[in-house]
Amino acid sequence: MNAKKAKFTWHYYFMAFGALMALLAVTLSAWGATISALAFTILSHPVIRFAGVGRFVFLILFAILYVFSFPDPAVVKSMMASDVAHS
């Protein structure tokens, strides 16, 4: 009964944020953004011993890659319009 509780740190918030980023990217079929978000999520895991400044540099790089790997807004609008027409 006296089991140690896991410490809830910033890692879990970043992992949840990465999962939400991946779900958004999948809905728009932005596969590069999906891979970048999943890498962000995995790199945020607390068990990974990659710590310090290097981890945050890679997290920032994955976030930048995520933002720039989405299609143009015109492409997204045409995707959304074609989905409505087929429904």
N, C-alpha and C. Protein backbone atom coordinates (compact mmCIF):
# COMPACT_ATOMS: atom_id res chain seq x y z
N MET A 1 0.80 -1.20 0.00
CA MET A 1 0.00 0.00 0.00
C MET A 1 0.84 1.27 0.00
N ASN A 2 2.06 1.18 0.47
CA ASN A 2 2.94 2.34 0.52
C ASN A 2 3.80 2.43 -0.73
N ALA A 3 3.19 2.33 -1.87
CA ALA A 3 3.93 2.44 -3.13
C ALA A 3 4.26 3.90 -3.40
N LYS A 4 5.45 4.11 -3.97
CA LYS A 4 5.85 5.47 -4.31
C LYS A 4 5.04 5.98 -5.48
N LYS A 5 4.62 7.21 -5.39
CA LYS A 5 3.89 7.85 -6.49
C LYS A 5 4.90 8.40 -7.50
N ALA A 6 4.52 8.29 -8.77
CA ALA A 6 5.37 8.87 -9.81
C ALA A 6 5.29 10.39 -9.72
N LYS A 7 6.43 11.01 -9.89
CA LYS A 7 6.48 12.47 -9.85
C LYS A 7 5.93 13.04 -11.15
N PHE A 8 4.96 13.92 -11.06
CA PHE A 8 4.33 14.51 -12.25
C PHE A 8 5.09 15.77 -12.61
N THR A 9 5.83 15.69 -13.72
CA THR A 9 6.71 16.79 -14.10
C THR A 9 6.26 17.39 -15.43
N TRP A 10 7.05 18.32 -15.93
CA TRP A 10 6.76 19.00 -17.19
C TRP A 10 6.75 18.02 -18.35
N HIS A 11 7.43 16.89 -18.20
CA HIS A 11 7.51 15.92 -19.29
C HIS A 11 6.12 15.49 -19.76
N TYR A 12 5.24 15.27 -18.82
CA TYR A 12 3.91 14.78 -19.16
C TYR A 12 3.07 15.82 -19.89
N TYR A 13 3.25 17.08 -19.54
CA TYR A 13 2.56 18.14 -20.26
C TYR A 13 3.05 18.22 -21.71
N PHE A 14 4.37 18.10 -21.89
CA PHE A 14 4.92 18.14 -23.23
C PHE A 14 4.50 16.91 -24.03
N MET A 15 4.41 15.75 -23.39
CA MET A 15 3.96 14.55 -24.08
C MET A 15 2.51 14.70 -24.52
N ALA A 16 1.66 15.25 -23.67
CA ALA A 16 0.25 15.46 -24.03
C ALA A 16 0.14 16.48 -25.16
N PHE A 17 0.94 17.52 -25.10
CA PHE A 17 0.93 18.53 -26.16
C PHE A 17 1.38 17.92 -27.48
N GLY A 18 2.40 17.07 -27.45
CA GLY A 18 2.86 16.39 -28.65
C GLY A 18 1.80 15.46 -29.23
N ALA A 19 1.06 14.78 -28.36
CA ALA A 19 -0.02 13.91 -28.84
C ALA A 19 -1.13 14.73 -29.49
N LEU A 20 -1.47 15.86 -28.92
CA LEU A 20 -2.48 16.73 -29.53
C LEU A 20 -2.00 17.28 -30.86
N MET A 21 -0.72 17.62 -30.94
CA MET A 21 -0.16 18.10 -32.20
C MET A 21 -0.25 17.00 -33.26
N ALA A 22 0.05 15.76 -32.88
CA ALA A 22 -0.01 14.65 -33.82
C ALA A 22 -1.44 14.41 -34.31
N LEU A 23 -2.41 14.51 -33.42
CA LEU A 23 -3.81 14.31 -33.82
C LEU A 23 -4.27 15.39 -34.79
N LEU A 24 -3.87 16.62 -34.57
CA LEU A 24 -4.21 17.69 -35.49
C LEU A 24 -3.58 17.46 -36.85
N ALA A 25 -2.33 17.04 -36.86
CA ALA A 25 -1.64 16.80 -38.12
C ALA A 25 -2.27 15.63 -38.89
N VAL A 26 -2.71 14.61 -38.19
CA VAL A 26 -3.33 13.45 -38.86
C VAL A 26 -4.66 13.86 -39.48
N THR A 27 -5.41 14.73 -38.83
CA THR A 27 -6.70 15.15 -39.40
C THR A 27 -6.53 15.89 -40.72
N LEU A 28 -5.37 16.54 -40.90
CA LEU A 28 -5.11 17.26 -42.14
C LEU A 28 -4.21 16.47 -43.09
N SER A 29 -3.91 15.24 -42.75
CA SER A 29 -3.03 14.37 -43.55
C SER A 29 -1.67 15.01 -43.79
N ALA A 30 -1.17 15.71 -42.82
CA ALA A 30 0.17 16.31 -42.90
C ALA A 30 1.14 15.32 -42.24
N TRP A 31 1.68 14.41 -43.03
CA TRP A 31 2.46 13.30 -42.48
C TRP A 31 3.79 13.77 -41.92
N GLY A 32 4.40 14.77 -42.49
CA GLY A 32 5.64 15.31 -41.94
C GLY A 32 5.42 15.90 -40.56
N ALA A 33 4.32 16.60 -40.42
CA ALA A 33 3.98 17.19 -39.12
C ALA A 33 3.65 16.10 -38.10
N THR A 34 3.02 15.02 -38.56
CA THR A 34 2.70 13.91 -37.66
C THR A 34 3.98 13.28 -37.11
N ILE A 35 4.94 13.03 -38.00
CA ILE A 35 6.21 12.43 -37.57
C ILE A 35 6.94 13.37 -36.62
N SER A 36 6.93 14.65 -36.92
CA SER A 36 7.59 15.63 -36.07
C SER A 36 6.93 15.68 -34.69
N ALA A 37 5.61 15.63 -34.65
CA ALA A 37 4.90 15.67 -33.37
C ALA A 37 5.15 14.40 -32.55
N LEU A 38 5.20 13.25 -33.23
CA LEU A 38 5.49 12.01 -32.50
C LEU A 38 6.92 12.01 -31.97
N ALA A 39 7.85 12.56 -32.73
CA ALA A 39 9.23 12.68 -32.25
C ALA A 39 9.28 13.62 -31.05
N PHE A 40 8.52 14.70 -31.09
CA PHE A 40 8.42 15.63 -29.96
C PHE A 40 7.91 14.90 -28.72
N THR A 41 6.88 14.07 -28.91
CA THR A 41 6.29 13.33 -27.79
C THR A 41 7.28 12.33 -27.21
N ILE A 42 7.96 11.58 -28.07
CA ILE A 42 8.91 10.57 -27.59
C ILE A 42 10.09 11.22 -26.89
N LEU A 43 10.58 12.30 -27.44
CA LEU A 43 11.73 12.98 -26.84
C LEU A 43 11.38 13.61 -25.50
N SER A 44 10.10 13.87 -25.26
CA SER A 44 9.67 14.46 -23.99
C SER A 44 9.51 13.44 -22.88
N HIS A 45 9.57 12.17 -23.19
CA HIS A 45 9.34 11.13 -22.19
C HIS A 45 10.40 11.22 -21.08
N PRO A 46 9.98 11.12 -19.81
CA PRO A 46 10.93 11.31 -18.71
C PRO A 46 11.95 10.19 -18.56
N VAL A 47 11.70 9.02 -19.11
CA VAL A 47 12.64 7.92 -18.97
C VAL A 47 13.88 8.12 -19.84
N ILE A 48 13.73 8.85 -20.94
CA ILE A 48 14.86 9.09 -21.83
C ILE A 48 15.90 9.93 -21.09
N ARG A 49 17.12 9.46 -21.10
CA ARG A 49 18.19 10.11 -20.34
C ARG A 49 18.87 11.24 -21.10
N PHE A 50 18.28 11.68 -22.17
CA PHE A 50 18.80 12.79 -22.95
C PHE A 50 18.30 14.07 -22.31
N ALA A 51 19.11 14.70 -21.50
CA ALA A 51 18.65 15.84 -20.70
C ALA A 51 19.50 17.08 -20.99
N GLY A 52 19.06 18.16 -20.44
CA GLY A 52 19.82 19.40 -20.54
C GLY A 52 19.40 20.25 -21.73
N VAL A 53 20.35 21.06 -22.17
CA VAL A 53 20.10 22.00 -23.26
C VAL A 53 19.84 21.26 -24.57
N GLY A 54 20.53 20.15 -24.77
CA GLY A 54 20.37 19.39 -26.01
C GLY A 54 18.95 18.93 -26.25
N ARG A 55 18.28 18.50 -25.19
CA ARG A 55 16.89 18.05 -25.32
C ARG A 55 15.99 19.22 -25.75
N PHE A 56 16.17 20.37 -25.15
CA PHE A 56 15.33 21.51 -25.49
C PHE A 56 15.62 22.04 -26.89
N VAL A 57 16.86 21.94 -27.32
CA VAL A 57 17.18 22.33 -28.70
C VAL A 57 16.43 21.45 -29.68
N PHE A 58 16.45 20.13 -29.44
CA PHE A 58 15.73 19.23 -30.33
C PHE A 58 14.22 19.42 -30.25
N LEU A 59 13.69 19.69 -29.06
CA LEU A 59 12.25 19.95 -28.93
C LEU A 59 11.85 21.19 -29.73
N ILE A 60 12.66 22.22 -29.67
CA ILE A 60 12.38 23.44 -30.42
C ILE A 60 12.48 23.18 -31.92
N LEU A 61 13.49 22.40 -32.33
CA LEU A 61 13.61 22.06 -33.75
C LEU A 61 12.41 21.27 -34.26
N PHE A 62 11.95 20.30 -33.47
CA PHE A 62 10.78 19.53 -33.87
C PHE A 62 9.53 20.40 -33.92
N ALA A 63 9.42 21.36 -33.01
CA ALA A 63 8.26 22.27 -33.04
C ALA A 63 8.30 23.16 -34.28
N ILE A 64 9.48 23.63 -34.66
CA ILE A 64 9.61 24.45 -35.87
C ILE A 64 9.29 23.63 -37.11
N LEU A 65 9.83 22.40 -37.17
CA LEU A 65 9.51 21.51 -38.30
C LEU A 65 8.01 21.24 -38.38
N TYR A 66 7.39 21.10 -37.22
CA TYR A 66 5.95 20.83 -37.18
C TYR A 66 5.16 21.97 -37.81
N VAL A 67 5.50 23.19 -37.45
CA VAL A 67 4.78 24.35 -37.95
C VAL A 67 4.91 24.49 -39.46
N PHE A 68 6.11 24.25 -39.98
CA PHE A 68 6.34 24.46 -41.40
C PHE A 68 6.02 23.26 -42.28
N SER A 69 5.56 22.16 -41.71
CA SER A 69 5.27 20.99 -42.54
C SER A 69 3.79 20.84 -42.86
N PHE A 70 2.98 21.81 -42.51
CA PHE A 70 1.57 21.79 -42.90
C PHE A 70 1.41 22.33 -44.31
N PRO A 71 0.39 21.88 -45.03
CA PRO A 71 0.15 22.42 -46.37
C PRO A 71 -0.34 23.86 -46.30
N ASP A 72 -0.34 24.52 -47.45
CA ASP A 72 -0.83 25.90 -47.52
C ASP A 72 -2.31 25.95 -47.17
N PRO A 73 -2.78 27.10 -46.67
CA PRO A 73 -4.20 27.20 -46.33
C PRO A 73 -5.13 26.94 -47.51
N ALA A 74 -4.72 27.30 -48.71
CA ALA A 74 -5.57 27.05 -49.89
C ALA A 74 -5.76 25.56 -50.12
N VAL A 75 -4.71 24.79 -49.89
CA VAL A 75 -4.79 23.34 -50.05
C VAL A 75 -5.73 22.75 -49.00
N VAL A 76 -5.63 23.23 -47.77
CA VAL A 76 -6.51 22.74 -46.70
C VAL A 76 -7.96 23.08 -47.01
N LYS A 77 -8.20 24.30 -47.50
CA LYS A 77 -9.58 24.69 -47.85
C LYS A 77 -10.13 23.82 -48.96
N SER A 78 -9.32 23.52 -49.95
CA SER A 78 -9.81 22.67 -51.04
C SER A 78 -10.05 21.25 -50.56
N MET A 79 -9.21 20.76 -49.62
CA MET A 79 -9.43 19.44 -49.04
C MET A 79 -10.75 19.40 -48.27
N MET A 80 -11.00 20.45 -47.51
CA MET A 80 -12.23 20.52 -46.72
C MET A 80 -13.45 20.63 -47.63
N ALA A 81 -13.35 21.41 -48.70
CA ALA A 81 -14.47 21.57 -49.63
C ALA A 81 -14.75 20.28 -50.37
N SER A 82 -13.71 19.54 -50.73
CA SER A 82 -13.94 18.28 -51.45
C SER A 82 -14.51 17.23 -50.52
N ASP A 83 -14.17 17.26 -49.24
CA ASP A 83 -14.74 16.30 -48.29
C ASP A 83 -16.22 16.56 -48.07
N VAL A 84 -16.63 17.83 -48.04
CA VAL A 84 -18.03 18.17 -47.84
C VAL A 84 -18.84 17.74 -49.05
N ALA A 85 -18.28 17.90 -50.24
CA ALA A 85 -18.99 17.55 -51.46
C ALA A 85 -19.20 16.04 -51.57
N HIS A 86 -18.30 15.24 -51.02
CA HIS A 86 -18.41 13.78 -51.12
C HIS A 86 -19.27 13.20 -50.02
N SER A 87 -19.62 13.95 -49.00
CA SER A 87 -20.38 13.41 -47.89
C SER A 87 -21.84 13.21 -48.25
